[in-house]
Amino acid sequence: MMELVIAAVLLLFFVFPLFGGVLAFVSGAIRPRFHGGKVLSGWHPLNPYYKLSPYHFGKR
């Protein structure tokens, strides 16, 4: 029974959000912000949305 609960929690918090993000990206609902094929300067290289985060303390 505990294995089932752990599996359900893992699905809810890890797999479903990843799947939803991939679907949103593929459908064009969200787009990373690139300029000339490169991430804009001052942005985290692995996360194009980093500058929009309230936890980004660099230049805005």
C-alpha atoms as a PDB file:
ATOM      1  CA  MET A   1       0.000   0.000   0.000  1.00  0.00           C
ATOM      2  CA  MET A   2       2.801   2.430   0.867  1.00  0.00           C
ATOM      3  CA  GLU A   3       4.461   1.811  -2.501  1.00  0.00           C
ATOM      4  CA  LEU A   4       1.227   2.847  -4.217  1.00  0.00           C
ATOM      5  CA  VAL A   5       1.073   6.088  -2.230  1.00  0.00           C
ATOM      6  CA  ILE A   6       4.707   6.889  -3.021  1.00  0.00           C
ATOM      7  CA  ALA A   7       4.154   6.162  -6.713  1.00  0.00           C
ATOM      8  CA  ALA A   8       1.080   8.418  -6.783  1.00  0.00           C
ATOM      9  CA  VAL A   9       2.967  11.265  -5.091  1.00  0.00           C
ATOM     10  CA  LEU A  10       5.871  10.931  -7.514  1.00  0.00           C
ATOM     11  CA  LEU A  11       3.482  11.024 -10.463  1.00  0.00           C
ATOM     12  CA  LEU A  12       1.630  14.065  -9.161  1.00  0.00           C
ATOM     13  CA  PHE A  13       4.663  16.153  -8.289  1.00  0.00           C
ATOM     14  CA  PHE A  14       7.265  15.116 -10.872  1.00  0.00           C
ATOM     15  CA  VAL A  15       5.896  13.318 -13.922  1.00  0.00           C
ATOM     16  CA  PHE A  16       2.654  15.210 -14.599  1.00  0.00           C
ATOM     17  CA  PRO A  17       4.204  18.722 -14.425  1.00  0.00           C
ATOM     18  CA  LEU A  18       7.041  17.653 -16.735  1.00  0.00           C
ATOM     19  CA  PHE A  19       4.576  16.140 -19.182  1.00  0.00           C
ATOM     20  CA  GLY A  20       2.398  19.272 -19.042  1.00  0.00           C
ATOM     21  CA  GLY A  21       5.388  21.543 -19.617  1.00  0.00           C
ATOM     22  CA  VAL A  22       6.496  19.535 -22.630  1.00  0.00           C
ATOM     23  CA  LEU A  23       2.983  19.642 -24.086  1.00  0.00           C
ATOM     24  CA  ALA A  24       2.749  23.417 -23.535  1.00  0.00           C
ATOM     25  CA  PHE A  25       6.141  23.970 -25.157  1.00  0.00           C
ATOM     26  CA  VAL A  26       5.337  21.757 -28.155  1.00  0.00           C
ATOM     27  CA  SER A  27       1.933  23.385 -28.663  1.00  0.00           C
ATOM     28  CA  GLY A  28       3.538  26.832 -28.649  1.00  0.00           C
ATOM     29  CA  ALA A  29       1.814  28.069 -25.498  1.00  0.00           C
ATOM     30  CA  ILE A  30       5.203  28.932 -23.987  1.00  0.00           C
ATOM     31  CA  ARG A  31       8.391  29.874 -25.766  1.00  0.00           C
ATOM     32  CA  PRO A  32      11.888  30.368 -24.395  1.00  0.00           C
ATOM     33  CA  ARG A  33      13.324  33.811 -25.101  1.00  0.00           C
ATOM     34  CA  PHE A  34      16.272  33.538 -27.435  1.00  0.00           C
ATOM     35  CA  HIS A  35      17.975  36.154 -29.580  1.00  0.00           C
ATOM     36  CA  GLY A  36      19.873  34.963 -32.611  1.00  0.00           C
ATOM     37  CA  GLY A  37      19.790  31.367 -31.414  1.00  0.00           C
ATOM     38  CA  LYS A  38      21.453  32.278 -28.121  1.00  0.00           C
ATOM     39  CA  VAL A  39      19.984  32.922 -24.720  1.00  0.00           C
ATOM     40  CA  LEU A  40      19.866  36.654 -23.955  1.00  0.00           C
ATOM     41  CA  SER A  41      22.779  37.989 -21.909  1.00  0.00           C
ATOM     42  CA  GLY A  42      22.314  37.931 -18.169  1.00  0.00           C
ATOM     43  CA  TRP A  43      19.990  34.975 -18.339  1.00  0.00           C
ATOM     44  CA  HIS A  44      20.740  31.602 -16.876  1.00  0.00           C
ATOM     45  CA  PRO A  45      22.023  29.383 -19.736  1.00  0.00           C
ATOM     46  CA  LEU A  46      19.786  26.451 -18.813  1.00  0.00           C
ATOM     47  CA  ASN A  47      16.648  28.446 -17.968  1.00  0.00           C
ATOM     48  CA  PRO A  48      15.505  31.199 -20.365  1.00  0.00           C
ATOM     49  CA  TYR A  49      12.804  32.214 -17.863  1.00  0.00           C
ATOM     50  CA  TYR A  50      15.313  32.870 -15.058  1.00  0.00           C
ATOM     51  CA  LYS A  51      15.196  36.665 -15.463  1.00  0.00           C
ATOM     52  CA  LEU A  52      11.424  36.634 -14.891  1.00  0.00           C
ATOM     53  CA  SER A  53      11.826  34.868 -11.555  1.00  0.00           C
ATOM     54  CA  PRO A  54      11.409  36.919  -8.374  1.00  0.00           C
ATOM     55  CA  TYR A  55      14.498  35.086  -7.083  1.00  0.00           C
ATOM     56  CA  HIS A  56      16.732  36.501  -9.840  1.00  0.00           C
ATOM     57  CA  PHE A  57      18.902  39.149  -8.174  1.00  0.00           C
ATOM     58  CA  GLY A  58      20.925  40.169 -11.226  1.00  0.00           C
ATOM     59  CA  LYS A  59      20.272  42.951 -13.710  1.00  0.00           C
ATOM     60  CA  ARG A  60      16.658  43.247 -14.776  1.00  0.00           C
END
